[in-house]
Amino acid sequence: MALYSSGMLSADQINAYNYHWTGSGGIPDMLAAAGWTQVSPDEAQPGDVVNHRNIHVLVYAGDGQCWDQTSAVVSSYGTPPSGTTTSYNLYQCEIWRAP
C-alpha cells in the first residue's frame, strides 16, 4: 500500500483493516481511525486520497486528474507505468486528507 510505503500510515494502522477493500471495514475506516478527514470534492487538493467506494483508490493530482496504479507502477504483466494522470469524477468519490 502506497500510504504505508510513503510513511503516511504504519503497519499497525493498515493491518487493522482490510486495506484491499474500498468499502466499510477497509480504506475509509482505516483513514478515519488514523485521523484523516473527509472533505468535499470541491475542496480536493493535490495529494488527497480519492476513494471510489467498492471500485478504486487514487491520489488526486489537481484539475480533476488522478494518479492511479497504472501511473507509477509496473503491472503484474510487466507493463511499464504510464506516467500520466487520468480524469476522474470526484463527485462519485470520498476525498480524504491527511492529518
PDB file of N, CA and C in Angstrom:
ATOM      1  N   MET A   1       0.837  -1.179   0.000  1.00  0.00           N
ATOM      2  CA  MET A   1       0.000   0.000   0.000  1.00  0.00           C
ATOM      3  C   MET A   1       0.880   1.240   0.000  1.00  0.00           C
ATOM      4  N   ALA A   2       0.543   2.159  -0.856  1.00  0.00           N
ATOM      5  CA  ALA A   2       1.352   3.366  -1.044  1.00  0.00           C
ATOM      6  C   ALA A   2       1.436   4.210   0.219  1.00  0.00           C
ATOM      7  N   LEU A   3       0.350   4.288   0.987  1.00  0.00           N
ATOM      8  CA  LEU A   3       0.365   5.116   2.199  1.00  0.00           C
ATOM      9  C   LEU A   3       1.303   4.543   3.246  1.00  0.00           C
ATOM     10  N   TYR A   4       1.438   3.244   3.298  1.00  0.00           N
ATOM     11  CA  TYR A   4       2.404   2.602   4.202  1.00  0.00           C
ATOM     12  C   TYR A   4       3.822   2.849   3.685  1.00  0.00           C
ATOM     13  N   SER A   5       4.045   2.589   2.389  1.00  0.00           N
ATOM     14  CA  SER A   5       5.378   2.738   1.804  1.00  0.00           C
ATOM     15  C   SER A   5       5.902   4.164   1.913  1.00  0.00           C
ATOM     16  N   SER A   6       4.990   5.135   1.875  1.00  0.00           N
ATOM     17  CA  SER A   6       5.405   6.538   1.969  1.00  0.00           C
ATOM     18  C   SER A   6       5.564   7.009   3.416  1.00  0.00           C
ATOM     19  N   GLY A   7       5.201   6.161   4.390  1.00  0.00           N
ATOM     20  CA  GLY A   7       5.307   6.539   5.790  1.00  0.00           C
ATOM     21  C   GLY A   7       4.096   7.272   6.330  1.00  0.00           C
ATOM     22  N   MET A   8       3.035   7.395   5.510  1.00  0.00           N
ATOM     23  CA  MET A   8       1.821   8.100   5.943  1.00  0.00           C
ATOM     24  C   MET A   8       1.004   7.271   6.937  1.00  0.00           C
ATOM     25  N   LEU A   9       1.107   5.948   6.862  1.00  0.00           N
ATOM     26  CA  LEU A   9       0.422   5.048   7.794  1.00  0.00           C
ATOM     27  C   LEU A   9       1.399   3.970   8.233  1.00  0.00           C
ATOM     28  N   SER A  10       1.257   3.528   9.473  1.00  0.00           N
ATOM     29  CA  SER A  10       2.132   2.478   9.995  1.00  0.00           C
ATOM     30  C   SER A  10       1.579   1.099   9.630  1.00  0.00           C
ATOM     31  N   ALA A  11       2.401   0.086   9.796  1.00  0.00           N
ATOM     32  CA  ALA A  11       1.968  -1.295   9.550  1.00  0.00           C
ATOM     33  C   ALA A  11       0.789  -1.648  10.456  1.00  0.00           C
ATOM     34  N   ASP A  12       0.835  -1.217  11.708  1.00  0.00           N
ATOM     35  CA  ASP A  12      -0.275  -1.494  12.631  1.00  0.00           C
ATOM     36  C   ASP A  12      -1.566  -0.846  12.138  1.00  0.00           C
ATOM     37  N   GLN A  13      -1.464   0.361  11.609  1.00  0.00           N
ATOM     38  CA  GLN A  13      -2.665   1.058  11.125  1.00  0.00           C
ATOM     39  C   GLN A  13      -3.276   0.358   9.912  1.00  0.00           C
ATOM     40  N   ILE A  14      -2.457  -0.063   8.968  1.00  0.00           N
ATOM     41  CA  ILE A  14      -3.040  -0.688   7.783  1.00  0.00           C
ATOM     42  C   ILE A  14      -3.470  -2.124   8.050  1.00  0.00           C
ATOM     43  N   ASN A  15      -2.775  -2.816   8.941  1.00  0.00           N
ATOM     44  CA  ASN A  15      -3.115  -4.218   9.196  1.00  0.00           C
ATOM     45  C   ASN A  15      -4.354  -4.383  10.068  1.00  0.00           C
ATOM     46  N   ALA A  16      -4.812  -3.309  10.682  1.00  0.00           N
ATOM     47  CA  ALA A  16      -6.034  -3.374  11.493  1.00  0.00           C
ATOM     48  C   ALA A  16      -7.281  -3.378  10.616  1.00  0.00           C
ATOM     49  N   TYR A  17      -7.118  -3.140   9.321  1.00  0.00           N
ATOM     50  CA  TYR A  17      -8.247  -3.044   8.386  1.00  0.00           C
ATOM     51  C   TYR A  17      -7.920  -3.817   7.108  1.00  0.00           C
ATOM     52  N   ASN A  18      -8.936  -4.082   6.327  1.00  0.00           N
ATOM     53  CA  ASN A  18      -8.734  -4.717   5.030  1.00  0.00           C
ATOM     54  C   ASN A  18      -8.351  -3.620   4.043  1.00  0.00           C
ATOM     55  N   TYR A  19      -7.057  -3.412   3.875  1.00  0.00           N
ATOM     56  CA  TYR A  19      -6.595  -2.304   3.041  1.00  0.00           C
ATOM     57  C   TYR A  19      -6.729  -2.580   1.546  1.00  0.00           C
ATOM     58  N   HIS A  20      -7.246  -3.740   1.183  1.00  0.00           N
ATOM     59  CA  HIS A  20      -7.547  -4.035  -0.215  1.00  0.00           C
ATOM     60  C   HIS A  20      -9.010  -3.736  -0.539  1.00  0.00           C
ATOM     61  N   TRP A  21      -9.768  -3.314   0.454  1.00  0.00           N
ATOM     62  CA  TRP A  21     -11.205  -3.089   0.291  1.00  0.00           C
ATOM     63  C   TRP A  21     -11.510  -1.606   0.416  1.00  0.00           C
ATOM     64  N   THR A  22     -12.292  -1.064  -0.518  1.00  0.00           N
ATOM     65  CA  THR A  22     -12.591   0.367  -0.519  1.00  0.00           C
ATOM     66  C   THR A  22     -13.912   0.702   0.165  1.00  0.00           C
ATOM     67  N   GLY A  23     -14.593  -0.306   0.715  1.00  0.00           N
ATOM     68  CA  GLY A  23     -15.857  -0.085   1.410  1.00  0.00           C
ATOM     69  C   GLY A  23     -15.691  -0.169   2.916  1.00  0.00           C
ATOM     70  N   SER A  24     -16.799  -0.324   3.623  1.00  0.00           N
ATOM     71  CA  SER A  24     -16.788  -0.390   5.090  1.00  0.00           C
ATOM     72  C   SER A  24     -15.864  -1.510   5.570  1.00  0.00           C
ATOM     73  N   GLY A  25     -15.099  -1.179   6.613  1.00  0.00           N
ATOM     74  CA  GLY A  25     -14.127  -2.124   7.147  1.00  0.00           C
ATOM     75  C   GLY A  25     -12.791  -2.063   6.441  1.00  0.00           C
ATOM     76  N   GLY A  26     -12.689  -1.198   5.444  1.00  0.00           N
ATOM     77  CA  GLY A  26     -11.459  -1.088   4.672  1.00  0.00           C
ATOM     78  C   GLY A  26     -10.865   0.300   4.714  1.00  0.00           C
ATOM     79  N   ILE A  27     -10.544   0.809   3.542  1.00  0.00           N
ATOM     80  CA  ILE A  27      -9.840   2.091   3.405  1.00  0.00           C
ATOM     81  C   ILE A  27     -10.496   3.248   4.168  1.00  0.00           C
ATOM     82  N   PRO A  28     -11.820   3.494   4.025  1.00  0.00           N
ATOM     83  CA  PRO A  28     -12.376   4.662   4.720  1.00  0.00           C
ATOM     84  C   PRO A  28     -12.283   4.551   6.243  1.00  0.00           C
ATOM     85  N   ASP A  29     -12.502   3.374   6.787  1.00  0.00           N
ATOM     86  CA  ASP A  29     -12.405   3.195   8.247  1.00  0.00           C
ATOM     87  C   ASP A  29     -10.958   3.330   8.709  1.00  0.00           C
ATOM     88  N   MET A  30     -10.023   2.812   7.918  1.00  0.00           N
ATOM     89  CA  MET A  30      -8.604   2.911   8.254  1.00  0.00           C
ATOM     90  C   MET A  30      -8.161   4.368   8.280  1.00  0.00           C
ATOM     91  N   LEU A  31      -8.541   5.137   7.265  1.00  0.00           N
ATOM     92  CA  LEU A  31      -8.137   6.544   7.213  1.00  0.00           C
ATOM     93  C   LEU A  31      -8.763   7.341   8.353  1.00  0.00           C
ATOM     94  N   ALA A  32     -10.045   7.115   8.624  1.00  0.00           N
ATOM     95  CA  ALA A  32     -10.715   7.837   9.714  1.00  0.00           C
ATOM     96  C   ALA A  32     -10.035   7.532  11.056  1.00  0.00           C
ATOM     97  N   ALA A  33      -9.720   6.265  11.295  1.00  0.00           N
ATOM     98  CA  ALA A  33      -9.076   5.876  12.555  1.00  0.00           C
ATOM     99  C   ALA A  33      -7.689   6.491  12.696  1.00  0.00           C
ATOM    100  N   ALA A  34      -7.034   6.767  11.569  1.00  0.00           N
ATOM    101  CA  ALA A  34      -5.694   7.356  11.590  1.00  0.00           C
ATOM    102  C   ALA A  34      -5.740   8.884  11.643  1.00  0.00           C
ATOM    103  N   GLY A  35      -6.948   9.456  11.756  1.00  0.00           N
ATOM    104  CA  GLY A  35      -7.073  10.895  11.910  1.00  0.00           C
ATOM    105  C   GLY A  35      -7.242  11.669  10.606  1.00  0.00           C
ATOM    106  N   TRP A  36      -7.392  10.959   9.500  1.00  0.00           N
ATOM    107  CA  TRP A  36      -7.644  11.631   8.234  1.00  0.00           C
ATOM    108  C   TRP A  36      -9.061  12.185   8.252  1.00  0.00           C
ATOM    109  N   THR A  37      -9.303  13.249   7.509  1.00  0.00           N
ATOM    110  CA  THR A  37     -10.638  13.830   7.453  1.00  0.00           C
ATOM    111  C   THR A  37     -11.161  13.772   6.021  1.00  0.00           C
ATOM    112  N   GLN A  38     -12.469  13.578   5.948  1.00  0.00           N
ATOM    113  CA  GLN A  38     -13.112  13.568   4.648  1.00  0.00           C
ATOM    114  C   GLN A  38     -13.489  14.998   4.282  1.00  0.00           C
ATOM    115  N   VAL A  39     -13.174  15.404   3.064  1.00  0.00           N
ATOM    116  CA  VAL A  39     -13.503  16.742   2.573  1.00  0.00           C
ATOM    117  C   VAL A  39     -14.376  16.600   1.325  1.00  0.00           C
ATOM    118  N   SER A  40     -15.029  17.679   0.957  1.00  0.00           N
ATOM    119  CA  SER A  40     -15.887  17.639  -0.226  1.00  0.00           C
ATOM    120  C   SER A  40     -15.022  17.644  -1.488  1.00  0.00           C
ATOM    121  N   PRO A  41     -15.563  17.121  -2.583  1.00  0.00           N
ATOM    122  CA  PRO A  41     -14.815  17.159  -3.840  1.00  0.00           C
ATOM    123  C   PRO A  41     -14.403  18.576  -4.250  1.00  0.00           C
ATOM    124  N   ASP A  42     -15.196  19.566  -3.872  1.00  0.00           N
ATOM    125  CA  ASP A  42     -14.850  20.960  -4.194  1.00  0.00           C
ATOM    126  C   ASP A  42     -13.592  21.431  -3.475  1.00  0.00           C
ATOM    127  N   GLU A  43     -13.239  20.762  -2.383  1.00  0.00           N
ATOM    128  CA  GLU A  43     -12.069  21.137  -1.587  1.00  0.00           C
ATOM    129  C   GLU A  43     -10.838  20.289  -1.892  1.00  0.00           C
ATOM    130  N   ALA A  44     -10.938  19.361  -2.844  1.00  0.00           N
ATOM    131  CA  ALA A  44      -9.832  18.447  -3.138  1.00  0.00           C
ATOM    132  C   ALA A  44      -8.561  19.208  -3.489  1.00  0.00           C
ATOM    133  N   GLN A  45      -7.450  18.732  -2.928  1.00  0.00           N
ATOM    134  CA  GLN A  45      -6.132  19.320  -3.177  1.00  0.00           C
ATOM    135  C   GLN A  45      -5.188  18.207  -3.624  1.00  0.00           C
ATOM    136  N   PRO A  46      -4.191  18.549  -4.426  1.00  0.00           N
ATOM    137  CA  PRO A  46      -3.210  17.538  -4.821  1.00  0.00           C
ATOM    138  C   PRO A  46      -2.654  16.807  -3.596  1.00  0.00           C
ATOM    139  N   GLY A  47      -2.593  15.499  -3.695  1.00  0.00           N
ATOM    140  CA  GLY A  47      -2.108  14.669  -2.599  1.00  0.00           C
ATOM    141  C   GLY A  47      -3.214  14.025  -1.790  1.00  0.00           C
ATOM    142  N   ASP A  48      -4.448  14.526  -1.906  1.00  0.00           N
ATOM    143  CA  ASP A  48      -5.573  13.899  -1.208  1.00  0.00           C
ATOM    144  C   ASP A  48      -5.814  12.501  -1.772  1.00  0.00           C
ATOM    145  N   VAL A  49      -6.320  11.614  -0.926  1.00  0.00           N
ATOM    146  CA  VAL A  49      -6.671  10.263  -1.352  1.00  0.00           C
ATOM    147  C   VAL A  49      -8.112  10.277  -1.844  1.00  0.00           C
ATOM    148  N   VAL A  50      -8.321   9.725  -3.033  1.00  0.00           N
ATOM    149  CA  VAL A  50      -9.641   9.635  -3.643  1.00  0.00           C
ATOM    150  C   VAL A  50     -10.098   8.186  -3.525  1.00  0.00           C
ATOM    151  N   ASN A  51     -11.168   7.965  -2.781  1.00  0.00           N
ATOM    152  CA  ASN A  51     -11.699   6.624  -2.584  1.00  0.00           C
ATOM    153  C   ASN A  51     -13.020   6.487  -3.332  1.00  0.00           C
ATOM    154  N   HIS A  52     -12.995   5.776  -4.439  1.00  0.00           N
ATOM    155  CA  HIS A  52     -14.223   5.472  -5.175  1.00  0.00           C
ATOM    156  C   HIS A  52     -14.717   4.154  -4.594  1.00  0.00           C
ATOM    157  N   ARG A  53     -15.650   4.256  -3.632  1.00  0.00           N
ATOM    158  CA  ARG A  53     -16.095   3.092  -2.852  1.00  0.00           C
ATOM    159  C   ARG A  53     -16.426   1.898  -3.724  1.00  0.00           C
ATOM    160  N   ASN A  54     -15.926   0.766  -3.288  1.00  0.00           N
ATOM    161  CA  ASN A  54     -16.137  -0.534  -3.930  1.00  0.00           C
ATOM    162  C   ASN A  54     -15.502  -0.639  -5.311  1.00  0.00           C
ATOM    163  N   ILE A  55     -14.685   0.358  -5.688  1.00  0.00           N
ATOM    164  CA  ILE A  55     -14.087   0.324  -7.023  1.00  0.00           C
ATOM    165  C   ILE A  55     -12.575   0.519  -6.996  1.00  0.00           C
ATOM    166  N   HIS A  56     -12.093   1.681  -6.494  1.00  0.00           N
ATOM    167  CA  HIS A  56     -10.699   2.038  -6.729  1.00  0.00           C
ATOM    168  C   HIS A  56     -10.237   3.131  -5.767  1.00  0.00           C
ATOM    169  N   VAL A  57      -8.945   3.179  -5.478  1.00  0.00           N
ATOM    170  CA  VAL A  57      -8.344   4.247  -4.684  1.00  0.00           C
ATOM    171  C   VAL A  57      -7.270   4.910  -5.541  1.00  0.00           C
ATOM    172  N   LEU A  58      -7.273   6.244  -5.534  1.00  0.00           N
ATOM    173  CA  LEU A  58      -6.342   7.013  -6.351  1.00  0.00           C
ATOM    174  C   LEU A  58      -5.755   8.155  -5.515  1.00  0.00           C
ATOM    175  N   VAL A  59      -4.826   8.879  -6.075  1.00  0.00           N
ATOM    176  CA  VAL A  59      -4.277  10.078  -5.443  1.00  0.00           C
ATOM    177  C   VAL A  59      -4.611  11.260  -6.351  1.00  0.00           C
ATOM    178  N   TYR A  60      -5.185  12.309  -5.747  1.00  0.00           N
ATOM    179  CA  TYR A  60      -5.587  13.474  -6.527  1.00  0.00           C
ATOM    180  C   TYR A  60      -4.362  14.264  -6.969  1.00  0.00           C
ATOM    181  N   ALA A  61      -4.301  14.582  -8.263  1.00  0.00           N
ATOM    182  CA  ALA A  61      -3.180  15.329  -8.826  1.00  0.00           C
ATOM    183  C   ALA A  61      -3.512  16.793  -9.071  1.00  0.00           C
ATOM    184  N   GLY A  62      -4.820  17.147  -9.039  1.00  0.00           N
ATOM    185  CA  GLY A  62      -5.253  18.510  -9.316  1.00  0.00           C
ATOM    186  C   GLY A  62      -5.975  18.590 -10.651  1.00  0.00           C
ATOM    187  N   ASP A  63      -6.779  19.621 -10.805  1.00  0.00           N
ATOM    188  CA  ASP A  63      -7.515  19.867 -12.048  1.00  0.00           C
ATOM    189  C   ASP A  63      -8.316  18.662 -12.531  1.00  0.00           C
ATOM    190  N   GLY A  64      -8.945  17.935 -11.591  1.00  0.00           N
ATOM    191  CA  GLY A  64      -9.780  16.786 -11.955  1.00  0.00           C
ATOM    192  C   GLY A  64      -9.016  15.560 -12.392  1.00  0.00           C
ATOM    193  N   GLN A  65      -7.706  15.569 -12.209  1.00  0.00           N
ATOM    194  CA  GLN A  65      -6.845  14.461 -12.622  1.00  0.00           C
ATOM    195  C   GLN A  65      -6.365  13.669 -11.409  1.00  0.00           C
ATOM    196  N   CYS A  66      -6.203  12.361 -11.592  1.00  0.00           N
ATOM    197  CA  CYS A  66      -5.738  11.486 -10.516  1.00  0.00           C
ATOM    198  C   CYS A  66      -4.618  10.582 -11.005  1.00  0.00           C
ATOM    199  N   TRP A  67      -3.772  10.215 -10.064  1.00  0.00           N
ATOM    200  CA  TRP A  67      -2.779   9.176 -10.299  1.00  0.00           C
ATOM    201  C   TRP A  67      -3.410   7.867  -9.840  1.00  0.00           C
ATOM    202  N   ASP A  68      -3.252   6.819 -10.635  1.00  0.00           N
ATOM    203  CA  ASP A  68      -3.683   5.500 -10.181  1.00  0.00           C
ATOM    204  C   ASP A  68      -2.512   4.537 -10.317  1.00  0.00           C
ATOM    205  N   GLN A  69      -2.767   3.255 -10.077  1.00  0.00           N
ATOM    206  CA  GLN A  69      -1.659   2.303 -10.084  1.00  0.00           C
ATOM    207  C   GLN A  69      -0.990   2.197 -11.445  1.00  0.00           C
ATOM    208  N   THR A  70      -1.694   2.472 -12.526  1.00  0.00           N
ATOM    209  CA  THR A  70      -1.060   2.389 -13.844  1.00  0.00           C
ATOM    210  C   THR A  70      -0.127   3.569 -14.097  1.00  0.00           C
ATOM    211  N   SER A  71      -0.258   4.632 -13.298  1.00  0.00           N
ATOM    212  CA  SER A  71       0.553   5.834 -13.485  1.00  0.00           C
ATOM    213  C   SER A  71       2.003   5.627 -13.089  1.00  0.00           C
ATOM    214  N   ALA A  72       2.234   4.839 -12.041  1.00  0.00           N
ATOM    215  CA  ALA A  72       3.574   4.803 -11.468  1.00  0.00           C
ATOM    216  C   ALA A  72       4.089   3.418 -11.099  1.00  0.00           C
ATOM    217  N   VAL A  73       3.335   2.365 -11.429  1.00  0.00           N
ATOM    218  CA  VAL A  73       3.728   1.024 -11.010  1.00  0.00           C
ATOM    219  C   VAL A  73       3.785   0.093 -12.215  1.00  0.00           C
ATOM    220  N   VAL A  74       4.796  -0.760 -12.278  1.00  0.00           N
ATOM    221  CA  VAL A  74       4.863  -1.786 -13.309  1.00  0.00           C
ATOM    222  C   VAL A  74       3.793  -2.821 -12.985  1.00  0.00           C
ATOM    223  N   SER A  75       2.974  -3.167 -13.976  1.00  0.00           N
ATOM    224  CA  SER A  75       1.888  -4.118 -13.740  1.00  0.00           C
ATOM    225  C   SER A  75       2.420  -5.532 -13.546  1.00  0.00           C
ATOM    226  N   SER A  76       1.551  -6.415 -13.065  1.00  0.00           N
ATOM    227  CA  SER A  76       1.936  -7.818 -12.882  1.00  0.00           C
ATOM    228  C   SER A  76       2.246  -8.483 -14.227  1.00  0.00           C
ATOM    229  N   TYR A  77       1.810  -7.857 -15.315  1.00  0.00           N
ATOM    230  CA  TYR A  77       2.114  -8.356 -16.664  1.00  0.00           C
ATOM    231  C   TYR A  77       3.412  -7.768 -17.213  1.00  0.00           C
ATOM    232  N   GLY A  78       4.041  -6.879 -16.458  1.00  0.00           N
ATOM    233  CA  GLY A  78       5.276  -6.249 -16.890  1.00  0.00           C
ATOM    234  C   GLY A  78       5.087  -4.968 -17.681  1.00  0.00           C
ATOM    235  N   THR A  79       3.837  -4.482 -17.763  1.00  0.00           N
ATOM    236  CA  THR A  79       3.568  -3.236 -18.481  1.00  0.00           C
ATOM    237  C   THR A  79       4.183  -2.076 -17.706  1.00  0.00           C
ATOM    238  N   PRO A  80       4.986  -1.248 -18.368  1.00  0.00           N
ATOM    239  CA  PRO A  80       5.603  -0.130 -17.645  1.00  0.00           C
ATOM    240  C   PRO A  80       4.565   0.911 -17.233  1.00  0.00           C
ATOM    241  N   PRO A  81       4.874   1.703 -16.209  1.00  0.00           N
ATOM    242  CA  PRO A  81       3.931   2.750 -15.791  1.00  0.00           C
ATOM    243  C   PRO A  81       3.738   3.778 -16.894  1.00  0.00           C
ATOM    244  N   SER A  82       2.533   4.324 -16.943  1.00  0.00           N
ATOM    245  CA  SER A  82       2.206   5.297 -17.985  1.00  0.00           C
ATOM    246  C   SER A  82       2.804   6.666 -17.715  1.00  0.00           C
ATOM    247  N   GLY A  83       2.968   6.997 -16.434  1.00  0.00           N
ATOM    248  CA  GLY A  83       3.472   8.324 -16.066  1.00  0.00           C
ATOM    249  C   GLY A  83       2.460   9.430 -16.279  1.00  0.00           C
ATOM    250  N   THR A  84       1.237   9.054 -16.572  1.00  0.00           N
ATOM    251  CA  THR A  84       0.206  10.052 -16.839  1.00  0.00           C
ATOM    252  C   THR A  84      -0.904   9.979 -15.797  1.00  0.00           C
ATOM    253  N   THR A  85      -1.680  11.031 -15.750  1.00  0.00           N
ATOM    254  CA  THR A  85      -2.841  11.064 -14.870  1.00  0.00           C
ATOM    255  C   THR A  85      -4.085  10.702 -15.661  1.00  0.00           C
ATOM    256  N   THR A  86      -5.181  10.455 -14.928  1.00  0.00           N
ATOM    257  CA  THR A  86      -6.454  10.078 -15.512  1.00  0.00           C
ATOM    258  C   THR A  86      -7.524  11.033 -15.015  1.00  0.00           C
ATOM    259  N   SER A  87      -8.427  11.457 -15.906  1.00  0.00           N
ATOM    260  CA  SER A  87      -9.579  12.252 -15.471  1.00  0.00           C
ATOM    261  C   SER A  87     -10.481  11.375 -14.615  1.00  0.00           C
ATOM    262  N   TYR A  88     -11.036  11.966 -13.560  1.00  0.00           N
ATOM    263  CA  TYR A  88     -11.889  11.193 -12.666  1.00  0.00           C
ATOM    264  C   TYR A  88     -12.984  12.087 -12.117  1.00  0.00           C
ATOM    265  N   ASN A  89     -14.182  11.546 -12.007  1.00  0.00           N
ATOM    266  CA  ASN A  89     -15.316  12.293 -11.459  1.00  0.00           C
ATOM    267  C   ASN A  89     -15.266  12.215  -9.930  1.00  0.00           C
ATOM    268  N   LEU A  90     -14.764  13.250  -9.301  1.00  0.00           N
ATOM    269  CA  LEU A  90     -14.605  13.256  -7.842  1.00  0.00           C
ATOM    270  C   LEU A  90     -15.939  13.214  -7.110  1.00  0.00           C
ATOM    271  N   TYR A  91     -17.019  13.591  -7.772  1.00  0.00           N
ATOM    272  CA  TYR A  91     -18.333  13.621  -7.121  1.00  0.00           C
ATOM    273  C   TYR A  91     -18.907  12.227  -6.918  1.00  0.00           C
ATOM    274  N   GLN A  92     -18.236  11.213  -7.422  1.00  0.00           N
ATOM    275  CA  GLN A  92     -18.638   9.828  -7.178  1.00  0.00           C
ATOM    276  C   GLN A  92     -17.765   9.210  -6.085  1.00  0.00           C
ATOM    277  N   CYS A  93     -16.949  10.020  -5.451  1.00  0.00           N
ATOM    278  CA  CYS A  93     -15.910   9.510  -4.557  1.00  0.00           C
ATOM    279  C   CYS A  93     -15.913  10.187  -3.189  1.00  0.00           C
ATOM    280  N   GLU A  94     -15.171   9.581  -2.275  1.00  0.00           N
ATOM    281  CA  GLU A  94     -14.835  10.210  -0.987  1.00  0.00           C
ATOM    282  C   GLU A  94     -13.438  10.790  -1.155  1.00  0.00           C
ATOM    283  N   ILE A  95     -13.217  11.973  -0.637  1.00  0.00           N
ATOM    284  CA  ILE A  95     -11.912  12.613  -0.689  1.00  0.00           C
ATOM    285  C   ILE A  95     -11.378  12.681   0.739  1.00  0.00           C
ATOM    286  N   TRP A  96     -10.208  12.132   0.969  1.00  0.00           N
ATOM    287  CA  TRP A  96      -9.612  12.075   2.312  1.00  0.00           C
ATOM    288  C   TRP A  96      -8.314  12.866   2.344  1.00  0.00           C
ATOM    289  N   ARG A  97      -8.136  13.625   3.421  1.00  0.00           N
ATOM    290  CA  ARG A  97      -6.947  14.454   3.606  1.00  0.00           C
ATOM    291  C   ARG A  97      -6.193  14.009   4.852  1.00  0.00           C
ATOM    292  N   ALA A  98      -4.891  13.923   4.720  1.00  0.00           N
ATOM    293  CA  ALA A  98      -4.021  13.522   5.831  1.00  0.00           C
ATOM    294  C   ALA A  98      -4.076  14.541   6.954  1.00  0.00           C
ATOM    295  N   PRO A  99      -3.871  14.066   8.196  1.00  0.00           N
ATOM    296  CA  PRO A  99      -3.866  14.998   9.339  1.00  0.00           C
ATOM    297  C   PRO A  99      -2.673  15.949   9.299  1.00  0.00           C
TER     298      PRO A  99
END
